[in-house]
Amino acid sequence: KALPHLVELQVLDVNSNNIGDSGIVSLVQTLCQPSSMDMEQNPPGDKSLTAAPQYITLPQMHIGYNSGVSGPGSARVAQLSSALPALTRLDISGDRYKPAHLS
């Protein structure tokens, strides 16, 4: 299940970490999945939350300068991020010590 409590996340900044290809791709895949609020999360008798899927409206994602993220990993992130319609800024700058094309 995607992150239902982060539907209105505005900025995700995980720059300068050691996430690697599998970690960064997994993170973006999770963000791109629709989430639904479980009726179990409602207080008793409250029907305000529905089970309709919601997508994260993330306008900015900063995931650059992560060691272990290669050119193919960055390309996969760019491809996956097309499922985030609100995304207007995507920073996937390479490892500051090694250009992505050399990874």
PDB file of N, CA and C in Angstrom:
ATOM      1  N   LYS A   1       0.856  -1.173   0.000  1.00  0.00           N
ATOM      2  CA  LYS A   1       0.000   0.000   0.000  1.00  0.00           C
ATOM      3  C   LYS A   1       0.897   1.230   0.000  1.00  0.00           C
ATOM      4  N   ALA A   2       0.577   2.194  -0.816  1.00  0.00           N
ATOM      5  CA  ALA A   2       1.352   3.433  -0.851  1.00  0.00           C
ATOM      6  C   ALA A   2       1.126   4.210   0.445  1.00  0.00           C
ATOM      7  N   LEU A   3       1.647   5.367   0.520  1.00  0.00           N
ATOM      8  CA  LEU A   3       1.676   6.156   1.748  1.00  0.00           C
ATOM      9  C   LEU A   3       0.427   7.022   1.875  1.00  0.00           C
ATOM     10  N   PRO A   4      -0.668   6.508   2.450  1.00  0.00           N
ATOM     11  CA  PRO A   4      -1.933   7.240   2.445  1.00  0.00           C
ATOM     12  C   PRO A   4      -1.892   8.557   3.208  1.00  0.00           C
ATOM     13  N   HIS A   5      -1.035   8.657   4.195  1.00  0.00           N
ATOM     14  CA  HIS A   5      -0.978   9.885   4.991  1.00  0.00           C
ATOM     15  C   HIS A   5      -0.104  10.956   4.341  1.00  0.00           C
ATOM     16  N   LEU A   6       0.516  10.675   3.210  1.00  0.00           N
ATOM     17  CA  LEU A   6       1.370  11.642   2.528  1.00  0.00           C
ATOM     18  C   LEU A   6       0.788  12.119   1.202  1.00  0.00           C
ATOM     19  N   VAL A   7      -0.516  12.036   1.050  1.00  0.00           N
ATOM     20  CA  VAL A   7      -1.161  12.387  -0.216  1.00  0.00           C
ATOM     21  C   VAL A   7      -0.862  13.833  -0.611  1.00  0.00           C
ATOM     22  N   GLU A   8      -0.716  14.731   0.345  1.00  0.00           N
ATOM     23  CA  GLU A   8      -0.478  16.138   0.043  1.00  0.00           C
ATOM     24  C   GLU A   8       0.967  16.557   0.275  1.00  0.00           C
ATOM     25  N   LEU A   9       1.890  15.621   0.181  1.00  0.00           N
ATOM     26  CA  LEU A   9       3.314  15.913   0.319  1.00  0.00           C
ATOM     27  C   LEU A   9       3.724  16.940  -0.734  1.00  0.00           C
ATOM     28  N   GLN A  10       4.438  17.988  -0.330  1.00  0.00           N
ATOM     29  CA  GLN A  10       4.816  19.061  -1.248  1.00  0.00           C
ATOM     30  C   GLN A  10       6.244  18.937  -1.762  1.00  0.00           C
ATOM     31  N   VAL A  11       7.174  18.516  -0.900  1.00  0.00           N
ATOM     32  CA  VAL A  11       8.572  18.404  -1.303  1.00  0.00           C
ATOM     33  C   VAL A  11       9.157  17.154  -0.662  1.00  0.00           C
ATOM     34  N   LEU A  12       9.809  16.349  -1.476  1.00  0.00           N
ATOM     35  CA  LEU A  12      10.558  15.208  -0.972  1.00  0.00           C
ATOM     36  C   LEU A  12      12.014  15.476  -1.282  1.00  0.00           C
ATOM     37  N   ASP A  13      12.842  15.578  -0.241  1.00  0.00           N
ATOM     38  CA  ASP A  13      14.259  15.864  -0.427  1.00  0.00           C
ATOM     39  C   ASP A  13      15.082  14.785   0.265  1.00  0.00           C
ATOM     40  N   VAL A  14      15.635  13.895  -0.523  1.00  0.00           N
ATOM     41  CA  VAL A  14      16.528  12.867   0.010  1.00  0.00           C
ATOM     42  C   VAL A  14      17.896  12.983  -0.671  1.00  0.00           C
ATOM     43  N   ASN A  15      18.280  14.222  -1.006  1.00  0.00           N
ATOM     44  CA  ASN A  15      19.587  14.489  -1.591  1.00  0.00           C
ATOM     45  C   ASN A  15      20.702  14.014  -0.674  1.00  0.00           C
ATOM     46  N   SER A  16      21.822  13.680  -1.278  1.00  0.00           N
ATOM     47  CA  SER A  16      23.067  13.392  -0.571  1.00  0.00           C
ATOM     48  C   SER A  16      22.948  12.273   0.449  1.00  0.00           C
ATOM     49  N   ASN A  17      22.369  11.167   0.035  1.00  0.00           N
ATOM     50  CA  ASN A  17      22.283   9.976   0.878  1.00  0.00           C
ATOM     51  C   ASN A  17      22.973   8.830   0.159  1.00  0.00           C
ATOM     52  N   ASN A  18      22.894   7.664   0.721  1.00  0.00           N
ATOM     53  CA  ASN A  18      23.486   6.479   0.105  1.00  0.00           C
ATOM     54  C   ASN A  18      22.365   5.495  -0.201  1.00  0.00           C
ATOM     55  N   ILE A  19      21.427   5.918  -1.049  1.00  0.00           N
ATOM     56  CA  ILE A  19      20.220   5.134  -1.319  1.00  0.00           C
ATOM     57  C   ILE A  19      20.465   4.061  -2.362  1.00  0.00           C
ATOM     58  N   GLY A  20      21.218   4.336  -3.391  1.00  0.00           N
ATOM     59  CA  GLY A  20      21.490   3.369  -4.444  1.00  0.00           C
ATOM     60  C   GLY A  20      20.320   3.211  -5.407  1.00  0.00           C
ATOM     61  N   ASP A  21      20.576   2.502  -6.501  1.00  0.00           N
ATOM     62  CA  ASP A  21      19.560   2.307  -7.541  1.00  0.00           C
ATOM     63  C   ASP A  21      18.292   1.652  -7.018  1.00  0.00           C
ATOM     64  N   SER A  22      18.434   0.514  -6.341  1.00  0.00           N
ATOM     65  CA  SER A  22      17.236  -0.216  -5.905  1.00  0.00           C
ATOM     66  C   SER A  22      16.427   0.591  -4.898  1.00  0.00           C
ATOM     67  N   GLY A  23      17.102   1.316  -4.010  1.00  0.00           N
ATOM     68  CA  GLY A  23      16.392   2.112  -3.015  1.00  0.00           C
ATOM     69  C   GLY A  23      15.633   3.276  -3.621  1.00  0.00           C
ATOM     70  N   ILE A  24      16.279   3.991  -4.544  1.00  0.00           N
ATOM     71  CA  ILE A  24      15.640   5.165  -5.128  1.00  0.00           C
ATOM     72  C   ILE A  24      14.499   4.758  -6.050  1.00  0.00           C
ATOM     73  N   VAL A  25      14.677   3.664  -6.799  1.00  0.00           N
ATOM     74  CA  VAL A  25      13.609   3.185  -7.675  1.00  0.00           C
ATOM     75  C   VAL A  25      12.437   2.694  -6.831  1.00  0.00           C
ATOM     76  N   SER A  26      12.708   1.982  -5.752  1.00  0.00           N
ATOM     77  CA  SER A  26      11.648   1.506  -4.862  1.00  0.00           C
ATOM     78  C   SER A  26      10.875   2.665  -4.239  1.00  0.00           C
ATOM     79  N   LEU A  27      11.583   3.703  -3.817  1.00  0.00           N
ATOM     80  CA  LEU A  27      10.935   4.880  -3.235  1.00  0.00           C
ATOM     81  C   LEU A  27       9.998   5.533  -4.241  1.00  0.00           C
ATOM     82  N   VAL A  28      10.466   5.747  -5.462  1.00  0.00           N
ATOM     83  CA  VAL A  28       9.644   6.403  -6.477  1.00  0.00           C
ATOM     84  C   VAL A  28       8.474   5.508  -6.885  1.00  0.00           C
ATOM     85  N   GLN A  29       8.696   4.203  -6.988  1.00  0.00           N
ATOM     86  CA  GLN A  29       7.591   3.289  -7.304  1.00  0.00           C
ATOM     87  C   GLN A  29       6.498   3.389  -6.236  1.00  0.00           C
ATOM     88  N   THR A  30       6.888   3.461  -4.986  1.00  0.00           N
ATOM     89  CA  THR A  30       5.918   3.582  -3.891  1.00  0.00           C
ATOM     90  C   THR A  30       5.141   4.881  -3.998  1.00  0.00           C
ATOM     91  N   LEU A  31       5.823   5.968  -4.311  1.00  0.00           N
ATOM     92  CA  LEU A  31       5.155   7.262  -4.443  1.00  0.00           C
ATOM     93  C   LEU A  31       4.185   7.294  -5.618  1.00  0.00           C
ATOM     94  N   CYS A  32       4.450   6.497  -6.639  1.00  0.00           N
ATOM     95  CA  CYS A  32       3.618   6.503  -7.838  1.00  0.00           C
ATOM     96  C   CYS A  32       2.379   5.624  -7.722  1.00  0.00           C
ATOM     97  N   GLN A  33       2.296   4.827  -6.681  1.00  0.00           N
ATOM     98  CA  GLN A  33       1.141   3.949  -6.505  1.00  0.00           C
ATOM     99  C   GLN A  33      -0.015   4.725  -5.890  1.00  0.00           C
ATOM    100  N   PRO A  34      -1.239   4.440  -6.323  1.00  0.00           N
ATOM    101  CA  PRO A  34      -2.384   5.074  -5.670  1.00  0.00           C
ATOM    102  C   PRO A  34      -2.518   4.522  -4.262  1.00  0.00           C
ATOM    103  N   SER A  35      -2.962   5.359  -3.367  1.00  0.00           N
ATOM    104  CA  SER A  35      -3.216   4.894  -2.006  1.00  0.00           C
ATOM    105  C   SER A  35      -4.693   5.083  -1.723  1.00  0.00           C
ATOM    106  N   SER A  36      -5.217   4.264  -0.870  1.00  0.00           N
ATOM    107  CA  SER A  36      -6.606   4.441  -0.469  1.00  0.00           C
ATOM    108  C   SER A  36      -6.668   4.472   1.043  1.00  0.00           C
ATOM    109  N   MET A  37      -7.509   5.305   1.538  1.00  0.00           N
ATOM    110  CA  MET A  37      -7.692   5.417   2.980  1.00  0.00           C
ATOM    111  C   MET A  37      -8.594   4.273   3.421  1.00  0.00           C
ATOM    112  N   ASP A  38      -8.147   3.508   4.344  1.00  0.00           N
ATOM    113  CA  ASP A  38      -8.968   2.421   4.860  1.00  0.00           C
ATOM    114  C   ASP A  38     -10.079   2.977   5.729  1.00  0.00           C
ATOM    115  N   MET A  39     -11.251   2.399   5.584  1.00  0.00           N
ATOM    116  CA  MET A  39     -12.366   2.802   6.430  1.00  0.00           C
ATOM    117  C   MET A  39     -12.045   2.529   7.896  1.00  0.00           C
ATOM    118  N   GLU A  40     -11.133   1.586   8.158  1.00  0.00           N
ATOM    119  CA  GLU A  40     -10.738   1.277   9.531  1.00  0.00           C
ATOM    120  C   GLU A  40     -10.066   2.464  10.194  1.00  0.00           C
ATOM    121  N   GLN A  41      -9.500   3.385   9.405  1.00  0.00           N
ATOM    122  CA  GLN A  41      -8.814   4.532   9.972  1.00  0.00           C
ATOM    123  C   GLN A  41      -9.792   5.608  10.436  1.00  0.00           C
ATOM    124  N   ASN A  42     -11.050   5.516  10.034  1.00  0.00           N
ATOM    125  CA  ASN A  42     -12.061   6.484  10.466  1.00  0.00           C
ATOM    126  C   ASN A  42     -12.423   6.242  11.924  1.00  0.00           C
ATOM    127  N   PRO A  43     -12.734   7.311  12.641  1.00  0.00           N
ATOM    128  CA  PRO A  43     -13.312   7.122  13.967  1.00  0.00           C
ATOM    129  C   PRO A  43     -14.652   6.406  13.823  1.00  0.00           C
ATOM    130  N   PRO A  44     -15.110   5.693  14.850  1.00  0.00           N
ATOM    131  CA  PRO A  44     -16.390   4.967  14.749  1.00  0.00           C
ATOM    132  C   PRO A  44     -17.518   5.882  14.286  1.00  0.00           C
ATOM    133  N   GLY A  45     -18.260   5.442  13.259  1.00  0.00           N
ATOM    134  CA  GLY A  45     -19.393   6.192  12.745  1.00  0.00           C
ATOM    135  C   GLY A  45     -19.044   7.262  11.723  1.00  0.00           C
ATOM    136  N   ASP A  46     -17.756   7.589  11.554  1.00  0.00           N
ATOM    137  CA  ASP A  46     -17.334   8.625  10.605  1.00  0.00           C
ATOM    138  C   ASP A  46     -17.157   8.003   9.232  1.00  0.00           C
ATOM    139  N   LYS A  47     -17.901   8.473   8.258  1.00  0.00           N
ATOM    140  CA  LYS A  47     -17.833   7.942   6.894  1.00  0.00           C
ATOM    141  C   LYS A  47     -17.145   8.931   5.949  1.00  0.00           C
ATOM    142  N   SER A  48     -16.413   9.906   6.507  1.00  0.00           N
ATOM    143  CA  SER A  48     -15.851  10.957   5.654  1.00  0.00           C
ATOM    144  C   SER A  48     -14.696  10.478   4.780  1.00  0.00           C
ATOM    145  N   LEU A  49     -13.935   9.505   5.231  1.00  0.00           N
ATOM    146  CA  LEU A  49     -12.857   8.980   4.406  1.00  0.00           C
ATOM    147  C   LEU A  49     -13.411   7.881   3.519  1.00  0.00           C
ATOM    148  N   THR A  50     -13.114   7.966   2.266  1.00  0.00           N
ATOM    149  CA  THR A  50     -13.612   6.949   1.346  1.00  0.00           C
ATOM    150  C   THR A  50     -12.480   6.012   0.955  1.00  0.00           C
ATOM    151  N   ALA A  51     -12.823   4.947   0.324  1.00  0.00           N
ATOM    152  CA  ALA A  51     -11.829   3.980  -0.136  1.00  0.00           C
ATOM    153  C   ALA A  51     -11.356   4.293  -1.550  1.00  0.00           C
ATOM    154  N   ALA A  52     -11.752   5.438  -2.101  1.00  0.00           N
ATOM    155  CA  ALA A  52     -11.328   5.806  -3.452  1.00  0.00           C
ATOM    156  C   ALA A  52      -9.819   6.028  -3.478  1.00  0.00           C
ATOM    157  N   PRO A  53      -9.133   5.535  -4.506  1.00  0.00           N
ATOM    158  CA  PRO A  53      -7.689   5.727  -4.564  1.00  0.00           C
ATOM    159  C   PRO A  53      -7.326   7.194  -4.689  1.00  0.00           C
ATOM    160  N   GLN A  54      -6.233   7.553  -4.050  1.00  0.00           N
ATOM    161  CA  GLN A  54      -5.714   8.910  -4.127  1.00  0.00           C
ATOM    162  C   GLN A  54      -4.267   8.826  -4.575  1.00  0.00           C
ATOM    163  N   TYR A  55      -3.851   9.811  -5.355  1.00  0.00           N
ATOM    164  CA  TYR A  55      -2.479   9.868  -5.813  1.00  0.00           C
ATOM    165  C   TYR A  55      -1.762  11.000  -5.101  1.00  0.00           C
ATOM    166  N   ILE A  56      -0.508  10.792  -4.806  1.00  0.00           N
ATOM    167  CA  ILE A  56       0.286  11.820  -4.151  1.00  0.00           C
ATOM    168  C   ILE A  56       0.437  12.999  -5.108  1.00  0.00           C
ATOM    169  N   THR A  57       0.197  14.205  -4.598  1.00  0.00           N
ATOM    170  CA  THR A  57       0.319  15.417  -5.409  1.00  0.00           C
ATOM    171  C   THR A  57       1.651  16.081  -5.085  1.00  0.00           C
ATOM    172  N   LEU A  58       2.713  15.415  -5.428  1.00  0.00           N
ATOM    173  CA  LEU A  58       4.073  15.853  -5.108  1.00  0.00           C
ATOM    174  C   LEU A  58       4.626  16.746  -6.219  1.00  0.00           C
ATOM    175  N   PRO A  59       4.788  18.065  -5.948  1.00  0.00           N
ATOM    176  CA  PRO A  59       5.304  18.934  -6.995  1.00  0.00           C
ATOM    177  C   PRO A  59       6.835  18.946  -7.118  1.00  0.00           C
ATOM    178  N   GLN A  60       7.558  18.628  -6.021  1.00  0.00           N
ATOM    179  CA  GLN A  60       9.024  18.698  -6.074  1.00  0.00           C
ATOM    180  C   GLN A  60       9.645  17.452  -5.455  1.00  0.00           C
ATOM    181  N   MET A  61      10.600  16.881  -6.188  1.00  0.00           N
ATOM    182  CA  MET A  61      11.322  15.721  -5.683  1.00  0.00           C
ATOM    183  C   MET A  61      12.813  15.952  -5.940  1.00  0.00           C
ATOM    184  N   HIS A  62      13.589  15.937  -4.867  1.00  0.00           N
ATOM    185  CA  HIS A  62      15.033  16.152  -4.943  1.00  0.00           C
ATOM    186  C   HIS A  62      15.720  14.861  -4.493  1.00  0.00           C
ATOM    187  N   ILE A  63      16.241  14.124  -5.447  1.00  0.00           N
ATOM    188  CA  ILE A  63      16.846  12.827  -5.127  1.00  0.00           C
ATOM    189  C   ILE A  63      18.263  12.721  -5.676  1.00  0.00           C
ATOM    190  N   GLY A  64      18.861  13.845  -6.011  1.00  0.00           N
ATOM    191  CA  GLY A  64      20.195  13.845  -6.597  1.00  0.00           C
ATOM    192  C   GLY A  64      21.292  13.615  -5.573  1.00  0.00           C
ATOM    193  N   TYR A  65      22.492  13.456  -6.074  1.00  0.00           N
ATOM    194  CA  TYR A  65      23.701  13.298  -5.265  1.00  0.00           C
ATOM    195  C   TYR A  65      23.620  12.127  -4.298  1.00  0.00           C
ATOM    196  N   ASN A  66      22.983  11.051  -4.725  1.00  0.00           N
ATOM    197  CA  ASN A  66      22.940   9.833  -3.918  1.00  0.00           C
ATOM    198  C   ASN A  66      23.962   8.852  -4.457  1.00  0.00           C
ATOM    199  N   SER A  67      24.899   8.419  -3.586  1.00  0.00           N
ATOM    200  CA  SER A  67      25.877   7.457  -4.071  1.00  0.00           C
ATOM    201  C   SER A  67      25.198   6.143  -4.393  1.00  0.00           C
ATOM    202  N   GLY A  68      25.699   5.521  -5.410  1.00  0.00           N
ATOM    203  CA  GLY A  68      25.155   4.244  -5.827  1.00  0.00           C
ATOM    204  C   GLY A  68      24.022   4.340  -6.832  1.00  0.00           C
ATOM    205  N   VAL A  69      23.586   5.549  -7.163  1.00  0.00           N
ATOM    206  CA  VAL A  69      22.543   5.708  -8.189  1.00  0.00           C
ATOM    207  C   VAL A  69      23.248   5.892  -9.530  1.00  0.00           C
ATOM    208  N   SER A  70      23.008   4.964 -10.434  1.00  0.00           N
ATOM    209  CA  SER A  70      23.678   4.978 -11.735  1.00  0.00           C
ATOM    210  C   SER A  70      22.816   5.688 -12.780  1.00  0.00           C
ATOM    211  N   GLY A  71      23.358   5.815 -13.970  1.00  0.00           N
ATOM    212  CA  GLY A  71      22.601   6.385 -15.083  1.00  0.00           C
ATOM    213  C   GLY A  71      21.316   5.620 -15.343  1.00  0.00           C
ATOM    214  N   PRO A  72      21.369   4.277 -15.431  1.00  0.00           N
ATOM    215  CA  PRO A  72      20.132   3.516 -15.630  1.00  0.00           C
ATOM    216  C   PRO A  72      19.131   3.686 -14.483  1.00  0.00           C
ATOM    217  N   GLY A  73      19.615   3.809 -13.262  1.00  0.00           N
ATOM    218  CA  GLY A  73      18.707   4.043 -12.130  1.00  0.00           C
ATOM    219  C   GLY A  73      18.013   5.391 -12.249  1.00  0.00           C
ATOM    220  N   SER A  74      18.766   6.406 -12.620  1.00  0.00           N
ATOM    221  CA  SER A  74      18.182   7.736 -12.818  1.00  0.00           C
ATOM    222  C   SER A  74      17.180   7.730 -13.963  1.00  0.00           C
ATOM    223  N   ALA A  75      17.491   6.998 -15.019  1.00  0.00           N
ATOM    224  CA  ALA A  75      16.570   6.909 -16.156  1.00  0.00           C
ATOM    225  C   ALA A  75      15.266   6.236 -15.740  1.00  0.00           C
ATOM    226  N   ARG A  76      15.352   5.203 -14.919  1.00  0.00           N
ATOM    227  CA  ARG A  76      14.139   4.507 -14.446  1.00  0.00           C
ATOM    228  C   ARG A  76      13.310   5.440 -13.563  1.00  0.00           C
ATOM    229  N   VAL A  77      13.965   6.226 -12.719  1.00  0.00           N
ATOM    230  CA  VAL A  77      13.259   7.202 -11.880  1.00  0.00           C
ATOM    231  C   VAL A  77      12.533   8.216 -12.754  1.00  0.00           C
ATOM    232  N   ALA A  78      13.202   8.713 -13.779  1.00  0.00           N
ATOM    233  CA  ALA A  78      12.572   9.680 -14.686  1.00  0.00           C
ATOM    234  C   ALA A  78      11.357   9.062 -15.365  1.00  0.00           C
ATOM    235  N   GLN A  79      11.483   7.806 -15.778  1.00  0.00           N
ATOM    236  CA  GLN A  79      10.373   7.108 -16.425  1.00  0.00           C
ATOM    237  C   GLN A  79       9.201   6.932 -15.450  1.00  0.00           C
ATOM    238  N   LEU A  80       9.479   6.480 -14.248  1.00  0.00           N
ATOM    239  CA  LEU A  80       8.426   6.257 -13.251  1.00  0.00           C
ATOM    240  C   LEU A  80       7.743   7.556 -12.837  1.00  0.00           C
ATOM    241  N   SER A  81       8.516   8.624 -12.748  1.00  0.00           N
ATOM    242  CA  SER A  81       7.967   9.887 -12.252  1.00  0.00           C
ATOM    243  C   SER A  81       6.915  10.479 -13.172  1.00  0.00           C
ATOM    244  N   SER A  82       6.811   9.973 -14.393  1.00  0.00           N
ATOM    245  CA  SER A  82       5.756  10.464 -15.285  1.00  0.00           C
ATOM    246  C   SER A  82       4.367  10.115 -14.735  1.00  0.00           C
ATOM    247  N   ALA A  83       4.303   9.199 -13.766  1.00  0.00           N
ATOM    248  CA  ALA A  83       3.025   8.844 -13.131  1.00  0.00           C
ATOM    249  C   ALA A  83       2.643   9.826 -12.030  1.00  0.00           C
ATOM    250  N   LEU A  84       3.464  10.847 -11.814  1.00  0.00           N
ATOM    251  CA  LEU A  84       3.170  11.875 -10.806  1.00  0.00           C
ATOM    252  C   LEU A  84       2.791  13.159 -11.539  1.00  0.00           C
ATOM    253  N   PRO A  85       1.516  13.357 -11.840  1.00  0.00           N
ATOM    254  CA  PRO A  85       1.112  14.487 -12.680  1.00  0.00           C
ATOM    255  C   PRO A  85       1.400  15.863 -12.085  1.00  0.00           C
ATOM    256  N   ALA A  86       1.490  15.973 -10.774  1.00  0.00           N
ATOM    257  CA  ALA A  86       1.738  17.276 -10.156  1.00  0.00           C
ATOM    258  C   ALA A  86       3.225  17.624 -10.107  1.00  0.00           C
ATOM    259  N   LEU A  87       4.087  16.675 -10.444  1.00  0.00           N
ATOM    260  CA  LEU A  87       5.533  16.896 -10.340  1.00  0.00           C
ATOM    261  C   LEU A  87       5.988  17.934 -11.365  1.00  0.00           C
ATOM    262  N   THR A  88       6.551  19.039 -10.875  1.00  0.00           N
ATOM    263  CA  THR A  88       7.045  20.090 -11.752  1.00  0.00           C
ATOM    264  C   THR A  88       8.559  20.248 -11.652  1.00  0.00           C
ATOM    265  N   ARG A  89       9.159  19.676 -10.609  1.00  0.00           N
ATOM    266  CA  ARG A  89      10.622  19.764 -10.450  1.00  0.00           C
ATOM    267  C   ARG A  89      11.157  18.426  -9.971  1.00  0.00           C
ATOM    268  N   LEU A  90      12.067  17.856 -10.756  1.00  0.00           N
ATOM    269  CA  LEU A  90      12.709  16.595 -10.423  1.00  0.00           C
ATOM    270  C   LEU A  90      14.209  16.789 -10.523  1.00  0.00           C
ATOM    271  N   ASP A  91      14.899  16.699  -9.390  1.00  0.00           N
ATOM    272  CA  ASP A  91      16.350  16.832  -9.352  1.00  0.00           C
ATOM    273  C   ASP A  91      16.940  15.438  -9.203  1.00  0.00           C
ATOM    274  N   ILE A  92      17.561  14.940 -10.272  1.00  0.00           N
ATOM    275  CA  ILE A  92      18.209  13.635 -10.228  1.00  0.00           C
ATOM    276  C   ILE A  92      19.692  13.794 -10.574  1.00  0.00           C
ATOM    277  N   SER A  93      20.274  14.891 -10.093  1.00  0.00           N
ATOM    278  CA  SER A  93      21.699  15.133 -10.329  1.00  0.00           C
ATOM    279  C   SER A  93      22.501  13.921  -9.888  1.00  0.00           C
ATOM    280  N   GLY A  94      23.616  13.673 -10.573  1.00  0.00           N
ATOM    281  CA  GLY A  94      24.440  12.508 -10.267  1.00  0.00           C
ATOM    282  C   GLY A  94      25.213  12.641  -8.976  1.00  0.00           C
ATOM    283  N   ASP A  95      25.896  11.575  -8.633  1.00  0.00           N
ATOM    284  CA  ASP A  95      26.781  11.550  -7.469  1.00  0.00           C
ATOM    285  C   ASP A  95      27.784  12.690  -7.632  1.00  0.00           C
ATOM    286  N   ARG A  96      27.920  13.522  -6.633  1.00  0.00           N
ATOM    287  CA  ARG A  96      28.787  14.687  -6.795  1.00  0.00           C
ATOM    288  C   ARG A  96      30.242  14.317  -6.996  1.00  0.00           C
ATOM    289  N   TYR A  97      30.639  13.095  -6.668  1.00  0.00           N
ATOM    290  CA  TYR A  97      32.023  12.674  -6.837  1.00  0.00           C
ATOM    291  C   TYR A  97      32.245  11.854  -8.100  1.00  0.00           C
ATOM    292  N   LYS A  98      31.155  11.412  -8.727  1.00  0.00           N
ATOM    293  CA  LYS A  98      31.278  10.580  -9.931  1.00  0.00           C
ATOM    294  C   LYS A  98      30.090  10.864 -10.845  1.00  0.00           C
ATOM    295  N   PRO A  99      30.315  11.372 -12.045  1.00  0.00           N
ATOM    296  CA  PRO A  99      29.186  11.621 -12.962  1.00  0.00           C
ATOM    297  C   PRO A  99      28.380  10.360 -13.233  1.00  0.00           C
ATOM    298  N   ALA A 100      27.069  10.510 -13.375  1.00  0.00           N
ATOM    299  CA  ALA A 100      26.159   9.362 -13.559  1.00  0.00           C
ATOM    300  C   ALA A 100      26.554   8.522 -14.764  1.00  0.00           C
ATOM    301  N   HIS A 101      27.048   9.143 -15.820  1.00  0.00           N
ATOM    302  CA  HIS A 101      27.390   8.369 -17.018  1.00  0.00           C
ATOM    303  C   HIS A 101      28.605   7.458 -16.801  1.00  0.00           C
ATOM    304  N   LEU A 102      29.348   7.688 -15.699  1.00  0.00           N
ATOM    305  CA  LEU A 102      30.506   6.836 -15.383  1.00  0.00           C
ATOM    306  C   LEU A 102      30.164   5.784 -14.339  1.00  0.00           C
ATOM    307  N   SER A 103      28.927   5.796 -13.819  1.00  0.00           N
ATOM    308  CA  SER A 103      28.540   4.854 -12.778  1.00  0.00           C
ATOM    309  C   SER A 103      28.272   3.483 -13.348  1.00  0.00           C
TER     310      SER A 103
END
